[in-house]
N, C-alpha and C. Protein backbone atom coordinates (compact mmCIF):
# COMPACT_ATOMS: atom_id res chain seq x y z
N MET A 1 -24.64 -43.84 2.08
CA MET A 1 -23.69 -42.81 2.87
C MET A 1 -22.98 -42.08 1.54
N GLY A 2 -22.91 -40.77 1.83
CA GLY A 2 -22.48 -39.92 0.73
C GLY A 2 -20.90 -39.54 1.07
N CYS A 3 -20.25 -39.21 -0.15
CA CYS A 3 -18.87 -38.85 -0.08
C CYS A 3 -18.72 -37.42 -0.67
N GLU A 4 -18.15 -36.52 -0.03
CA GLU A 4 -18.12 -35.07 -0.28
C GLU A 4 -16.70 -34.78 -0.37
N ILE A 5 -16.21 -34.16 -1.46
CA ILE A 5 -14.83 -33.68 -1.53
C ILE A 5 -14.78 -32.05 -1.16
N GLY A 6 -14.05 -31.87 -0.26
CA GLY A 6 -13.77 -30.55 0.19
C GLY A 6 -13.14 -29.48 -0.87
N ASN A 7 -13.50 -28.40 -0.72
CA ASN A 7 -12.95 -27.24 -1.68
C ASN A 7 -11.54 -26.75 -1.05
N ASN A 8 -10.62 -26.84 -1.90
CA ASN A 8 -8.99 -26.20 -1.28
C ASN A 8 -9.31 -24.82 -1.52
N ALA A 9 -8.54 -24.18 -0.63
CA ALA A 9 -8.51 -22.56 -0.39
C ALA A 9 -7.88 -21.90 -1.69
N VAL A 10 -8.38 -20.72 -1.76
CA VAL A 10 -7.59 -19.75 -2.77
C VAL A 10 -6.58 -19.18 -1.83
N GLU A 11 -5.40 -18.88 -2.58
CA GLU A 11 -4.25 -18.22 -1.94
C GLU A 11 -3.75 -17.13 -2.81
N LEU A 12 -3.85 -15.71 -2.19
CA LEU A 12 -3.44 -14.62 -3.05
C LEU A 12 -1.82 -14.80 -2.65
N ILE A 13 -1.16 -14.86 -3.52
CA ILE A 13 0.37 -14.90 -3.32
C ILE A 13 1.16 -13.47 -3.16
N SER A 14 0.62 -12.69 -4.11
CA SER A 14 1.30 -11.30 -4.04
C SER A 14 0.42 -10.32 -4.87
N LEU A 15 0.39 -9.03 -4.41
CA LEU A 15 -0.13 -7.98 -5.04
C LEU A 15 0.84 -6.78 -5.04
N ASP A 16 1.14 -6.39 -6.35
CA ASP A 16 2.22 -5.33 -6.53
C ASP A 16 1.95 -4.34 -7.33
N ALA A 17 2.55 -3.09 -7.26
CA ALA A 17 2.41 -2.01 -8.27
C ALA A 17 3.67 -2.37 -9.06
N ILE A 18 3.60 -2.22 -10.46
CA ILE A 18 4.61 -2.57 -11.34
C ILE A 18 4.89 -1.45 -12.20
N ASP A 19 6.21 -1.23 -12.88
CA ASP A 19 6.55 -0.26 -13.76
C ASP A 19 6.31 -0.66 -15.13
N SER A 20 6.80 0.00 -16.14
CA SER A 20 6.69 -0.33 -17.45
C SER A 20 7.48 -1.72 -17.96
N SER A 21 8.59 -1.86 -17.08
CA SER A 21 9.32 -2.97 -17.38
C SER A 21 9.01 -4.24 -16.60
N ASN A 22 7.90 -4.19 -15.89
CA ASN A 22 7.33 -5.31 -15.02
C ASN A 22 8.00 -5.42 -13.83
N GLN A 23 8.82 -4.45 -13.53
CA GLN A 23 9.64 -4.57 -12.18
C GLN A 23 8.57 -3.87 -10.97
N VAL A 24 8.70 -4.63 -9.90
CA VAL A 24 7.83 -4.29 -8.70
C VAL A 24 8.37 -2.92 -8.07
N ILE A 25 7.57 -1.95 -7.93
CA ILE A 25 7.77 -0.62 -7.27
C ILE A 25 7.44 -0.95 -5.80
N THR A 26 8.48 -0.76 -4.93
CA THR A 26 8.55 -1.10 -3.54
C THR A 26 7.83 -0.23 -2.73
N SER A 27 7.74 1.09 -3.07
CA SER A 27 6.97 2.18 -2.26
C SER A 27 6.20 3.05 -3.41
N PRO A 28 4.98 2.62 -3.78
CA PRO A 28 4.30 3.06 -4.81
C PRO A 28 3.90 4.73 -4.51
N VAL A 29 4.18 5.57 -5.34
CA VAL A 29 4.03 7.10 -5.38
C VAL A 29 3.65 7.47 -6.76
N CYS A 30 2.68 8.26 -6.87
CA CYS A 30 2.48 8.90 -8.30
C CYS A 30 1.71 10.41 -8.17
N GLN A 31 1.57 10.97 -9.22
CA GLN A 31 0.78 12.36 -9.35
C GLN A 31 -0.70 12.10 -9.48
N THR A 32 -1.25 13.06 -9.05
CA THR A 32 -2.52 13.03 -9.43
C THR A 32 -2.96 12.90 -10.73
N GLY A 33 -3.89 12.01 -11.11
CA GLY A 33 -4.30 11.66 -12.51
C GLY A 33 -3.22 10.79 -13.29
N ASP A 34 -2.28 10.28 -12.71
CA ASP A 34 -1.35 9.19 -13.21
C ASP A 34 -2.12 7.86 -13.24
N VAL A 35 -1.56 7.10 -14.23
CA VAL A 35 -2.07 5.76 -14.17
C VAL A 35 -1.12 4.71 -13.76
N MET A 36 -1.41 3.82 -12.65
CA MET A 36 -0.56 3.07 -12.12
C MET A 36 -0.97 1.70 -12.41
N THR A 37 -0.02 0.63 -12.78
CA THR A 37 -0.35 -0.79 -13.07
C THR A 37 -0.27 -1.62 -11.84
N PHE A 38 -1.13 -2.45 -11.51
CA PHE A 38 -1.19 -3.40 -10.45
C PHE A 38 -1.19 -4.79 -11.06
N TYR A 39 -0.39 -5.78 -10.34
CA TYR A 39 -0.59 -7.28 -10.85
C TYR A 39 -0.82 -8.15 -9.48
N CYS A 40 -1.82 -8.90 -9.59
CA CYS A 40 -2.05 -9.97 -8.56
C CYS A 40 -1.80 -11.33 -8.90
N GLU A 41 -1.01 -11.99 -8.12
CA GLU A 41 -0.73 -13.45 -8.34
C GLU A 41 -1.44 -14.20 -7.34
N ALA A 42 -2.21 -15.29 -7.75
CA ALA A 42 -2.84 -16.13 -6.82
C ALA A 42 -3.13 -17.62 -7.45
N GLN A 43 -3.24 -18.36 -6.49
CA GLN A 43 -3.57 -19.74 -7.03
C GLN A 43 -4.70 -20.44 -6.37
N ASP A 44 -5.10 -21.56 -7.04
CA ASP A 44 -6.21 -22.29 -6.39
C ASP A 44 -5.96 -23.78 -6.21
N GLY A 45 -6.06 -24.47 -5.11
CA GLY A 45 -5.68 -25.78 -4.80
C GLY A 45 -6.35 -26.85 -5.64
N ASP A 46 -7.47 -26.34 -6.27
CA ASP A 46 -8.33 -27.47 -7.06
C ASP A 46 -8.08 -26.99 -8.63
N GLY A 47 -7.45 -26.04 -8.86
CA GLY A 47 -7.28 -25.43 -10.24
C GLY A 47 -8.60 -24.85 -10.66
N ASP A 48 -9.43 -24.37 -9.78
CA ASP A 48 -10.62 -23.64 -10.32
C ASP A 48 -10.25 -22.26 -11.11
N LYS A 49 -11.09 -21.76 -11.96
CA LYS A 49 -10.93 -20.74 -12.54
C LYS A 49 -11.11 -19.38 -11.50
N LEU A 50 -10.14 -18.56 -11.55
CA LEU A 50 -10.25 -17.54 -10.55
C LEU A 50 -10.86 -16.12 -11.02
N VAL A 51 -11.66 -15.51 -10.29
CA VAL A 51 -12.28 -14.37 -10.51
C VAL A 51 -11.60 -13.17 -9.71
N TYR A 52 -11.16 -12.12 -10.25
CA TYR A 52 -10.45 -10.87 -9.63
C TYR A 52 -11.35 -9.68 -9.49
N ASN A 53 -11.38 -9.21 -8.25
CA ASN A 53 -12.28 -8.13 -8.15
C ASN A 53 -11.54 -7.07 -7.61
N TRP A 54 -11.44 -5.98 -8.15
CA TRP A 54 -10.53 -4.86 -7.83
C TRP A 54 -11.38 -3.71 -7.30
N GLU A 55 -10.99 -2.92 -6.28
CA GLU A 55 -11.63 -1.90 -5.53
C GLU A 55 -10.40 -0.80 -4.95
N SER A 56 -11.03 0.38 -4.95
CA SER A 56 -10.31 1.40 -4.25
C SER A 56 -11.23 2.40 -3.72
N SER A 57 -10.80 3.13 -2.71
CA SER A 57 -11.80 4.22 -2.20
C SER A 57 -11.91 5.52 -3.07
N SER A 58 -11.07 5.54 -4.19
CA SER A 58 -11.13 6.57 -4.93
C SER A 58 -10.33 6.26 -6.19
N GLY A 59 -10.43 7.21 -7.38
CA GLY A 59 -9.89 6.77 -8.60
C GLY A 59 -10.61 5.91 -9.34
N SER A 60 -10.19 5.55 -10.51
CA SER A 60 -10.74 4.61 -11.49
C SER A 60 -10.09 3.56 -12.12
N PHE A 61 -10.71 2.32 -12.48
CA PHE A 61 -10.00 1.23 -13.02
C PHE A 61 -10.32 0.71 -14.36
N SER A 62 -9.28 0.19 -14.98
CA SER A 62 -9.30 -0.67 -16.16
C SER A 62 -8.75 -2.02 -15.89
N VAL A 63 -9.52 -3.00 -16.03
CA VAL A 63 -9.13 -4.36 -15.43
C VAL A 63 -9.16 -5.36 -16.47
N ASP A 64 -7.98 -6.32 -16.48
CA ASP A 64 -7.91 -7.48 -17.25
C ASP A 64 -7.64 -8.48 -16.35
N ARG A 65 -8.60 -9.09 -15.63
CA ARG A 65 -8.38 -10.39 -14.70
C ARG A 65 -7.42 -9.88 -13.67
N ASP A 66 -6.04 -10.45 -13.66
CA ASP A 66 -5.17 -10.25 -12.65
C ASP A 66 -4.20 -8.95 -12.67
N THR A 67 -4.60 -8.16 -13.73
CA THR A 67 -3.97 -6.82 -14.01
C THR A 67 -5.00 -5.81 -14.03
N ALA A 68 -4.50 -4.54 -13.20
CA ALA A 68 -5.58 -3.58 -13.13
C ALA A 68 -4.80 -2.33 -13.41
N TRP A 69 -5.32 -1.35 -14.13
CA TRP A 69 -4.75 -0.01 -14.33
C TRP A 69 -5.59 0.98 -13.64
N TRP A 70 -4.96 1.70 -12.58
CA TRP A 70 -5.71 2.48 -11.61
C TRP A 70 -5.32 4.03 -11.89
N THR A 71 -6.36 4.93 -12.22
CA THR A 71 -6.12 6.21 -12.49
C THR A 71 -6.22 6.84 -11.02
N ALA A 72 -5.00 7.59 -10.80
CA ALA A 72 -5.26 8.09 -9.33
C ALA A 72 -6.23 9.55 -9.36
N PRO A 73 -6.73 9.60 -8.21
CA PRO A 73 -7.73 10.72 -7.88
C PRO A 73 -6.97 12.08 -8.06
N ASN A 74 -7.71 13.03 -8.10
CA ASN A 74 -7.10 14.48 -8.33
C ASN A 74 -7.15 15.04 -6.96
N ARG A 75 -6.75 14.30 -5.78
CA ARG A 75 -6.66 14.79 -4.45
C ARG A 75 -5.43 13.96 -3.96
N SER A 76 -4.45 14.76 -3.37
CA SER A 76 -3.36 14.30 -2.71
C SER A 76 -3.69 13.39 -1.37
N GLY A 77 -2.91 12.34 -1.34
CA GLY A 77 -3.31 11.50 -0.03
C GLY A 77 -2.90 10.12 -0.08
N PHE A 78 -3.19 9.28 0.83
CA PHE A 78 -2.74 7.98 0.74
C PHE A 78 -4.02 7.14 0.39
N TYR A 79 -3.90 6.18 -0.43
CA TYR A 79 -5.20 5.44 -1.10
C TYR A 79 -4.73 3.96 -1.06
N HIS A 80 -5.77 3.06 -0.79
CA HIS A 80 -5.29 1.57 -0.96
C HIS A 80 -6.13 1.20 -2.14
N VAL A 81 -5.58 0.19 -2.89
CA VAL A 81 -5.95 -0.67 -3.96
C VAL A 81 -6.13 -2.13 -3.21
N ILE A 82 -7.38 -2.55 -3.45
CA ILE A 82 -7.62 -4.02 -2.92
C ILE A 82 -8.00 -4.93 -4.10
N CYS A 83 -7.40 -6.09 -3.93
CA CYS A 83 -7.98 -7.12 -5.03
C CYS A 83 -8.35 -8.30 -4.22
N LYS A 84 -9.71 -8.79 -4.50
CA LYS A 84 -10.20 -9.89 -4.03
C LYS A 84 -10.33 -10.97 -4.95
N VAL A 85 -9.77 -12.23 -4.58
CA VAL A 85 -9.83 -13.29 -5.60
C VAL A 85 -10.68 -14.42 -4.97
N SER A 86 -11.64 -14.89 -5.91
CA SER A 86 -12.53 -16.03 -5.45
C SER A 86 -12.49 -17.14 -6.55
N ASP A 87 -12.75 -18.37 -6.13
CA ASP A 87 -12.96 -19.38 -7.17
C ASP A 87 -14.49 -19.66 -7.44
N GLY A 88 -15.49 -19.04 -6.93
CA GLY A 88 -16.67 -19.26 -7.44
C GLY A 88 -17.53 -20.17 -6.67
N VAL A 89 -16.67 -21.03 -5.86
CA VAL A 89 -17.33 -22.10 -5.11
C VAL A 89 -17.11 -21.99 -3.78
N GLY A 90 -17.00 -20.82 -3.05
CA GLY A 90 -16.88 -20.56 -1.70
C GLY A 90 -15.66 -20.18 -1.14
N SER A 91 -14.49 -20.20 -1.77
CA SER A 91 -13.13 -19.90 -1.33
C SER A 91 -12.69 -18.58 -1.91
N SER A 92 -11.98 -17.75 -1.06
CA SER A 92 -11.56 -16.50 -1.61
C SER A 92 -10.35 -15.99 -0.68
N ASP A 93 -9.71 -15.06 -1.27
CA ASP A 93 -8.51 -14.42 -0.44
C ASP A 93 -8.46 -12.75 -0.97
N ALA A 94 -7.89 -12.05 -0.10
CA ALA A 94 -7.82 -10.64 -0.48
C ALA A 94 -6.47 -10.07 0.05
N GLY A 95 -6.06 -8.98 -0.73
CA GLY A 95 -4.89 -8.22 -0.37
C GLY A 95 -4.99 -6.86 -0.69
N SER A 96 -4.28 -6.00 -0.13
CA SER A 96 -4.27 -4.62 -0.45
C SER A 96 -2.79 -3.83 -0.48
N ILE A 97 -2.79 -2.78 -1.27
CA ILE A 97 -1.53 -2.11 -1.38
C ILE A 97 -1.82 -0.71 -1.14
N SER A 98 -0.89 0.08 -0.52
CA SER A 98 -1.02 1.45 -0.01
C SER A 98 -0.33 2.32 -1.16
N ILE A 99 -0.96 3.29 -1.93
CA ILE A 99 -0.14 4.16 -2.68
C ILE A 99 -0.31 5.62 -2.37
N ARG A 100 0.78 6.44 -2.40
CA ARG A 100 0.78 7.86 -2.08
C ARG A 100 0.65 8.56 -3.37
N VAL A 101 -0.39 9.49 -3.18
CA VAL A 101 -0.72 10.43 -4.43
C VAL A 101 -0.28 11.77 -3.92
N VAL A 102 0.41 12.49 -4.83
CA VAL A 102 0.90 13.77 -4.61
C VAL A 102 0.59 14.69 -5.76
N GLY A 103 0.61 15.96 -5.47
CA GLY A 103 0.06 17.01 -6.47
C GLY A 103 1.40 17.54 -7.35
N GLY A 104 2.59 17.19 -6.86
CA GLY A 104 3.71 17.69 -7.66
C GLY A 104 4.93 16.85 -8.11
N LEU A 105 5.63 16.88 -8.90
CA LEU A 105 6.78 16.12 -9.36
C LEU A 105 7.97 17.03 -9.68
N LEU A 106 9.09 16.74 -8.98
CA LEU A 106 10.29 17.37 -9.37
C LEU A 106 11.41 16.42 -9.93
N LYS A 107 11.79 16.60 -11.22
CA LYS A 107 12.65 15.48 -11.84
C LYS A 107 13.87 16.31 -12.31
N GLY A 108 15.03 15.56 -12.59
CA GLY A 108 16.12 16.30 -13.02
C GLY A 108 17.24 15.24 -13.36
N ALA A 109 18.56 15.71 -13.56
CA ALA A 109 19.64 14.98 -13.84
C ALA A 109 20.74 15.40 -13.11
N VAL A 110 21.58 14.64 -12.55
CA VAL A 110 22.78 14.92 -11.84
C VAL A 110 24.09 14.60 -12.88
N THR A 111 24.78 15.38 -13.31
CA THR A 111 25.90 15.06 -14.07
C THR A 111 27.31 15.20 -13.51
N ASN A 112 28.22 14.66 -13.95
CA ASN A 112 29.60 14.77 -13.55
C ASN A 112 30.11 16.07 -14.05
N ALA A 113 30.76 17.10 -13.11
CA ALA A 113 31.03 18.24 -13.85
C ALA A 113 32.36 18.24 -14.60
N VAL A 114 33.00 17.20 -14.59
CA VAL A 114 34.23 17.20 -15.35
C VAL A 114 33.98 16.53 -16.82
N ASN A 115 33.22 15.31 -16.79
CA ASN A 115 33.06 14.86 -18.02
C ASN A 115 31.76 14.83 -18.58
N GLY A 116 30.63 15.44 -17.89
CA GLY A 116 29.37 15.69 -18.35
C GLY A 116 28.38 14.31 -18.23
N GLU A 117 29.01 13.25 -17.86
CA GLU A 117 28.24 11.98 -17.67
C GLU A 117 27.38 11.93 -16.38
N GLY A 118 26.17 11.30 -16.54
CA GLY A 118 25.25 11.16 -15.55
C GLY A 118 25.88 10.40 -14.28
N VAL A 119 25.56 10.81 -13.05
CA VAL A 119 25.97 10.10 -11.77
C VAL A 119 24.91 9.40 -11.18
N SER A 120 25.32 8.00 -10.93
CA SER A 120 24.10 7.28 -10.36
C SER A 120 24.42 7.27 -8.71
N ASN A 121 23.30 6.96 -8.08
CA ASN A 121 23.26 6.78 -6.68
C ASN A 121 23.67 7.94 -5.91
N VAL A 122 23.21 9.16 -6.48
CA VAL A 122 23.43 10.59 -5.62
C VAL A 122 22.10 10.54 -4.75
N ALA A 123 22.33 10.89 -3.48
CA ALA A 123 21.19 10.93 -2.69
C ALA A 123 20.76 12.51 -2.81
N VAL A 124 19.58 12.78 -3.22
CA VAL A 124 19.01 14.05 -3.61
C VAL A 124 17.95 14.60 -2.59
N THR A 125 18.24 15.64 -1.81
CA THR A 125 17.28 16.03 -1.02
C THR A 125 16.74 17.39 -1.32
N VAL A 126 15.29 17.65 -1.47
CA VAL A 126 14.69 18.85 -1.75
C VAL A 126 13.75 19.11 -0.68
N GLY A 127 14.09 20.26 0.18
CA GLY A 127 13.17 20.44 1.26
C GLY A 127 13.39 19.32 2.12
N GLU A 128 11.94 18.52 2.43
CA GLU A 128 12.04 17.50 3.42
C GLU A 128 11.74 16.18 2.48
N SER A 129 11.83 16.33 1.11
CA SER A 129 11.73 15.14 0.29
C SER A 129 12.96 14.61 -0.11
N THR A 130 13.03 13.23 -0.36
CA THR A 130 14.27 12.65 -0.97
C THR A 130 14.05 11.89 -1.95
N GLY A 131 15.10 11.65 -2.72
CA GLY A 131 15.25 10.72 -3.91
C GLY A 131 16.57 10.26 -4.25
N SER A 132 16.93 9.59 -5.18
CA SER A 132 18.06 8.89 -5.63
C SER A 132 18.37 8.68 -7.18
N THR A 133 19.44 9.10 -7.54
CA THR A 133 19.67 9.05 -9.10
C THR A 133 19.64 7.54 -9.51
N ASP A 134 19.05 7.35 -10.86
CA ASP A 134 19.40 5.78 -11.28
C ASP A 134 20.53 5.76 -12.14
N GLU A 135 20.68 4.69 -13.00
CA GLU A 135 22.04 4.47 -13.45
C GLU A 135 22.29 5.50 -14.57
N ASN A 136 21.36 6.47 -15.07
CA ASN A 136 21.58 7.39 -16.07
C ASN A 136 21.80 8.74 -15.21
N GLY A 137 21.89 8.82 -14.02
CA GLY A 137 21.82 10.07 -13.26
C GLY A 137 20.40 10.73 -13.10
N ASP A 138 19.44 10.13 -13.45
CA ASP A 138 18.15 10.84 -13.35
C ASP A 138 17.46 10.54 -12.15
N TYR A 139 16.69 11.58 -11.65
CA TYR A 139 15.91 11.40 -10.33
C TYR A 139 14.53 11.86 -10.47
N SER A 140 13.62 11.36 -9.74
CA SER A 140 12.39 11.86 -9.56
C SER A 140 12.06 11.93 -8.07
N ILE A 141 11.31 13.03 -7.73
CA ILE A 141 10.93 13.26 -6.33
C ILE A 141 9.45 13.82 -6.28
N TYR A 142 8.53 12.96 -5.78
CA TYR A 142 7.07 13.49 -5.85
C TYR A 142 6.82 13.97 -4.51
N SER A 143 6.42 15.29 -4.70
CA SER A 143 5.81 15.93 -3.41
C SER A 143 4.82 17.03 -3.86
N SER A 144 4.25 17.73 -2.75
CA SER A 144 3.38 18.88 -3.06
C SER A 144 4.04 20.29 -2.88
N PHE A 145 4.57 20.41 -4.03
CA PHE A 145 5.49 21.78 -3.78
C PHE A 145 4.76 22.96 -3.77
N LYS A 146 4.72 23.68 -2.89
CA LYS A 146 4.11 25.09 -2.95
C LYS A 146 5.10 26.23 -3.20
N SER A 147 4.50 27.50 -3.55
CA SER A 147 5.59 28.61 -4.04
C SER A 147 6.54 28.82 -2.79
N GLY A 148 7.78 29.12 -3.25
CA GLY A 148 8.68 29.43 -2.13
C GLY A 148 10.19 28.66 -2.44
N GLU A 149 11.08 28.82 -1.69
CA GLU A 149 12.34 28.32 -1.99
C GLU A 149 12.58 27.14 -1.25
N TYR A 150 13.21 26.28 -1.69
CA TYR A 150 13.54 24.85 -0.90
C TYR A 150 15.10 24.73 -1.20
N ASP A 151 15.62 24.31 0.11
CA ASP A 151 17.06 23.95 -0.04
C ASP A 151 17.18 22.47 -0.80
N VAL A 152 18.25 22.39 -1.59
CA VAL A 152 18.72 21.36 -2.50
C VAL A 152 20.04 20.64 -1.97
N SER A 153 20.09 19.48 -1.89
CA SER A 153 21.38 18.94 -1.67
C SER A 153 21.76 17.70 -2.46
N GLY A 154 22.90 17.31 -2.83
CA GLY A 154 23.24 16.07 -3.52
C GLY A 154 24.45 15.47 -2.92
N VAL A 155 24.30 14.33 -2.42
CA VAL A 155 25.48 13.52 -1.64
C VAL A 155 26.00 12.30 -2.42
N HIS A 156 27.19 12.12 -2.55
CA HIS A 156 27.83 10.81 -3.17
C HIS A 156 29.15 10.93 -2.56
N GLU A 157 29.61 9.48 -2.16
CA GLU A 157 30.84 9.37 -1.50
C GLU A 157 32.05 9.71 -2.33
N SER A 158 31.73 9.82 -3.69
CA SER A 158 33.05 9.88 -4.49
C SER A 158 32.97 11.48 -5.12
N PHE A 159 32.25 12.12 -4.58
CA PHE A 159 31.87 13.73 -5.03
C PHE A 159 31.77 14.66 -3.85
N CYS A 160 32.17 15.83 -4.33
CA CYS A 160 31.86 17.08 -3.19
C CYS A 160 30.45 17.00 -3.12
N PRO A 161 30.14 17.34 -1.90
CA PRO A 161 28.58 17.48 -1.63
C PRO A 161 28.14 18.82 -2.47
N TYR A 162 26.77 18.73 -2.88
CA TYR A 162 26.30 19.78 -3.68
C TYR A 162 25.32 20.52 -2.75
N SER A 163 25.22 21.84 -3.10
CA SER A 163 24.02 22.48 -2.26
C SER A 163 23.52 23.58 -3.17
N GLY A 164 22.03 23.89 -3.19
CA GLY A 164 21.67 24.87 -3.91
C GLY A 164 20.27 25.23 -3.68
N ILE A 165 19.53 25.98 -4.41
CA ILE A 165 18.29 26.44 -4.13
C ILE A 165 17.39 26.05 -5.19
N PHE A 166 16.15 25.51 -4.89
CA PHE A 166 15.13 25.44 -5.85
C PHE A 166 13.98 26.21 -5.42
N GLN A 167 13.39 27.17 -6.54
CA GLN A 167 12.39 28.03 -6.37
C GLN A 167 11.07 27.88 -7.14
N VAL A 168 10.03 27.91 -6.45
CA VAL A 168 8.81 27.75 -7.21
C VAL A 168 8.21 29.06 -7.18
N SER A 169 7.89 29.76 -8.31
CA SER A 169 7.22 31.03 -8.19
C SER A 169 5.72 30.93 -7.98
N GLU A 170 5.10 31.95 -7.51
CA GLU A 170 3.69 31.92 -7.17
C GLU A 170 2.68 31.86 -8.46
N ASP A 171 3.39 32.23 -9.52
CA ASP A 171 2.50 32.30 -10.79
C ASP A 171 2.93 31.08 -11.89
N TYR A 172 3.45 30.20 -11.12
CA TYR A 172 3.92 28.89 -12.02
C TYR A 172 2.79 27.93 -12.13
N ALA A 173 2.26 27.74 -13.33
CA ALA A 173 1.05 27.10 -13.73
C ALA A 173 1.13 25.49 -13.45
N SER A 174 2.30 24.84 -13.82
CA SER A 174 2.56 23.49 -13.89
C SER A 174 2.75 23.01 -12.35
N ASN A 175 2.57 21.61 -12.34
CA ASN A 175 2.82 20.84 -10.97
C ASN A 175 4.06 19.91 -11.29
N THR A 176 4.80 20.00 -12.62
CA THR A 176 5.98 19.28 -12.79
C THR A 176 7.14 20.33 -12.82
N TYR A 177 8.21 19.99 -12.13
CA TYR A 177 9.38 20.93 -12.17
C TYR A 177 10.61 20.11 -12.64
N THR A 178 11.53 20.87 -13.05
CA THR A 178 12.91 20.32 -13.56
C THR A 178 13.98 21.08 -12.69
N TYR A 179 14.86 20.35 -12.28
CA TYR A 179 16.13 20.71 -11.52
C TYR A 179 17.26 19.99 -11.67
N ASN A 180 18.23 20.47 -12.74
CA ASN A 180 19.45 19.90 -12.94
C ASN A 180 20.74 20.39 -12.37
N PHE A 181 21.55 19.57 -11.67
CA PHE A 181 22.81 20.24 -11.17
C PHE A 181 23.94 19.43 -11.65
N SER A 182 25.06 19.75 -11.21
CA SER A 182 26.31 18.96 -11.58
C SER A 182 26.97 18.75 -10.22
N VAL A 183 27.74 17.58 -10.08
CA VAL A 183 28.85 17.39 -8.70
C VAL A 183 30.12 17.29 -9.37
N SER A 184 30.94 17.73 -8.54
CA SER A 184 32.41 17.62 -8.77
C SER A 184 33.05 16.47 -8.17
N PRO A 185 33.91 15.61 -8.93
CA PRO A 185 34.70 14.59 -8.27
C PRO A 185 35.49 15.13 -7.19
N ILE A 186 35.72 14.43 -6.00
CA ILE A 186 36.64 14.98 -4.99
C ILE A 186 38.16 15.20 -5.51
N PRO A 187 38.44 16.54 -5.58
CA PRO A 187 39.97 16.53 -6.21
C PRO A 187 40.96 15.94 -5.33
N GLU A 188 42.13 15.83 -6.38
CA GLU A 188 43.39 15.43 -5.61
C GLU A 188 44.04 16.46 -4.84
N VAL A 189 44.90 15.90 -3.92
CA VAL A 189 45.67 16.76 -3.08
C VAL A 189 46.11 17.82 -3.59
N GLY A 190 45.87 19.22 -3.47
CA GLY A 190 46.57 20.43 -4.16
C GLY A 190 45.79 20.88 -5.29
N GLU A 191 44.96 20.07 -5.79
CA GLU A 191 43.93 20.40 -6.86
C GLU A 191 42.86 21.44 -6.59
N ILE A 192 42.72 22.55 -7.27
CA ILE A 192 41.49 23.46 -7.03
C ILE A 192 40.60 23.24 -8.31
N ARG A 193 39.24 23.32 -7.98
CA ARG A 193 38.35 22.95 -9.19
C ARG A 193 37.22 23.90 -8.89
N MET A 194 36.59 24.89 -9.68
CA MET A 194 35.38 25.69 -9.53
C MET A 194 34.45 25.04 -10.55
N VAL A 195 33.14 24.89 -9.97
CA VAL A 195 32.00 24.25 -10.70
C VAL A 195 30.96 25.38 -10.71
N LEU A 196 30.35 25.84 -11.80
CA LEU A 196 29.20 26.68 -11.75
C LEU A 196 28.08 26.04 -12.21
N ASN A 197 26.90 26.19 -11.59
CA ASN A 197 25.60 25.73 -12.00
C ASN A 197 24.71 26.72 -12.32
N TRP A 198 24.00 26.74 -13.35
CA TRP A 198 22.80 27.76 -13.64
C TRP A 198 21.86 27.20 -14.53
N GLY A 199 20.68 27.69 -14.65
CA GLY A 199 19.64 27.48 -15.21
C GLY A 199 19.57 27.65 -17.00
N ALA A 200 18.46 27.76 -17.53
CA ALA A 200 18.32 27.81 -18.82
C ALA A 200 18.64 29.50 -19.17
N GLU A 201 18.31 30.32 -18.38
CA GLU A 201 18.67 31.71 -18.60
C GLU A 201 19.48 32.26 -17.50
N PRO A 202 20.73 32.89 -17.89
CA PRO A 202 21.14 33.16 -19.14
C PRO A 202 21.79 31.98 -19.82
N ARG A 203 21.97 31.92 -21.19
CA ARG A 203 22.46 30.90 -21.73
C ARG A 203 24.15 30.55 -21.54
N ASP A 204 24.83 31.92 -21.27
CA ASP A 204 26.15 31.68 -20.82
C ASP A 204 26.47 32.80 -19.93
N LEU A 205 27.64 32.74 -19.29
CA LEU A 205 27.78 33.78 -18.22
C LEU A 205 28.26 35.28 -18.93
N ASP A 206 28.45 35.35 -20.18
CA ASP A 206 28.68 36.62 -20.72
C ASP A 206 27.36 37.37 -20.98
N SER A 207 26.31 36.94 -20.75
CA SER A 207 24.95 37.59 -21.08
C SER A 207 24.67 38.66 -19.99
């Protein structure tokens, strides 16, 4: 009479896109040609050595077992990165994660018009795309910007709302853009404050 020990299942615990600080990116988005890092956590009930197989419908991989670096394809769209984990003796598990790839990136800084410091948690809207400033007042918005004008707004409960225009010229060769602006703290009763925002040219209002 034989005695056969069953093979315990492989379990994929998580599959995430991570940033340079190994923090999870909750809604992965990148530009065409960017490299994104993915980490897969899995376990095996028998302690078998696990094999990781990474796949995607497009783009290319550099892989080190549970970690993969994916180079985004040169076409905008939604793509899936899939990781299949197996123990080599019949058990496996798999997971996938969706990434949005876009052709353009708008980045900038939002500063306090009074002291010049960066303002965090400003809700920035450019056209139909949205983002939020980090602790340093910086923001990044991924979108496929075409030539034309886009309405810009910046909203924070402690500052006056900002509105402006972001323009992409027809002959602009890059797909990375910069738009900085300042927001004014809500003034005290009876206080009047004027804030001027302008670009690199002219360097001052006397030009």
